[in-house]
Protein backbone atom coordinates (compact mmCIF):
# COMPACT_ATOMS: atom_id res chain seq x y z
CA ARG A 1 -14.72 -5.66 -9.22
CA PHE A 2 -18.52 -5.47 -9.32
CA GLU A 3 -18.53 -1.59 -9.19
CA ASN A 4 -15.89 -1.38 -11.99
CA THR A 5 -18.04 -3.79 -14.19
CA MET A 6 -21.17 -2.14 -13.33
CA LEU A 7 -19.70 1.43 -14.09
CA GLU A 8 -18.88 0.17 -17.45
CA VAL A 9 -22.30 -1.24 -18.21
CA ILE A 10 -23.85 2.19 -16.82
CA ARG A 11 -21.50 4.11 -19.15
CA GLU A 12 -22.46 1.87 -22.08
CA ILE A 13 -26.30 2.36 -21.43
CA VAL A 14 -26.11 6.00 -20.87
CA TYR A 15 -24.03 6.54 -23.95
CA ASN A 16 -26.23 4.49 -26.02
CA VAL A 17 -29.59 6.35 -24.84
CA THR A 18 -28.27 9.87 -24.47
CA GLY A 19 -24.81 10.25 -26.09
CA LYS A 20 -23.40 11.40 -22.76
CA GLU A 21 -19.90 10.33 -21.74
CA ASN A 22 -17.41 10.66 -18.98
CA LEU A 23 -19.46 9.22 -16.13
CA ASP A 24 -17.98 8.34 -12.82
CA MET A 25 -19.47 6.92 -9.68
CA ASP A 26 -20.48 10.40 -8.29
CA THR A 27 -22.09 11.63 -11.56
CA ASP A 28 -25.59 12.91 -11.01
CA PHE A 29 -27.90 11.99 -13.84
CA LEU A 30 -29.92 15.30 -13.47
CA LYS A 31 -27.32 17.98 -12.30
CA ASP A 32 -24.06 16.73 -14.19
CA LEU A 33 -25.77 15.34 -17.35
CA GLY A 34 -28.79 17.32 -17.61
CA LEU A 35 -30.97 14.39 -18.22
CA ASN A 36 -34.72 14.68 -18.45
CA SER A 37 -37.39 12.23 -17.39
CA PHE A 38 -37.79 10.79 -20.86
CA ASP A 39 -33.98 9.92 -21.03
CA ILE A 40 -34.17 8.65 -17.50
CA MET A 41 -36.97 6.31 -18.21
CA ASN A 42 -35.31 5.15 -21.38
CA ILE A 43 -32.10 4.41 -19.52
CA VAL A 44 -34.24 2.38 -16.85
CA CYS A 45 -35.84 0.40 -19.69
CA ALA A 46 -32.57 -0.52 -21.05
CA PHE A 47 -31.51 -1.88 -17.65
CA GLU A 48 -34.69 -3.76 -17.35
CA GLU A 49 -34.23 -5.45 -20.58
CA ARG A 50 -30.40 -6.11 -20.14
CA TYR A 51 -30.98 -7.70 -16.65
CA ASP A 52 -34.58 -8.82 -17.11
CA ILE A 53 -35.65 -7.02 -14.15
CA SER A 54 -38.37 -4.62 -13.27
CA VAL A 55 -37.63 -1.29 -11.56
CA PRO A 56 -40.92 0.31 -10.03
CA THR A 57 -41.14 3.93 -10.74
CA ARG A 58 -40.93 4.87 -7.06
CA ASP A 59 -37.44 3.27 -7.09
CA VAL A 60 -36.41 5.31 -10.23
CA TRP A 61 -36.33 8.83 -8.53
CA GLN A 62 -34.22 7.54 -5.86
CA LEU A 63 -31.46 6.68 -8.31
CA ARG A 64 -29.90 10.04 -8.68
CA GLN A 65 -26.20 9.25 -9.02
CA VAL A 66 -24.28 6.46 -10.72
CA SER A 67 -23.39 4.92 -7.32
CA ASP A 68 -27.00 4.69 -6.45
CA VAL A 69 -27.70 2.58 -9.57
CA VAL A 70 -24.59 0.38 -8.68
CA LYS A 71 -25.89 -0.10 -5.23
CA TYR A 72 -29.44 -0.75 -6.44
CA LEU A 73 -28.56 -3.37 -8.76
CA ALA A 74 -26.28 -5.29 -6.32
CA GLU A 75 -29.27 -5.19 -3.92
CA LYS A 76 -31.25 -6.67 -6.83
CA GLY A 77 -28.70 -9.49 -6.91
CA ILE A 78 -27.26 -8.47 -10.29
CA SER A 79 -23.61 -9.47 -10.68
């Protein structure tokens, strides 16, 4: 399923950028992982490179949980 595939991709990118593990769909990037804005922007850049998309800054701060990222990517046509 799309959600499971995307969860694995998100886990991989977050781990590669931050070393953080054990993400699920409800993981909050700020509250649960304690990421800072630098971490978040590096993660966003990794997604932009991997999927050849552009994520406007105004969108970034609405992506608080893993599930938000999965939904956002689906809306962008990523599969």
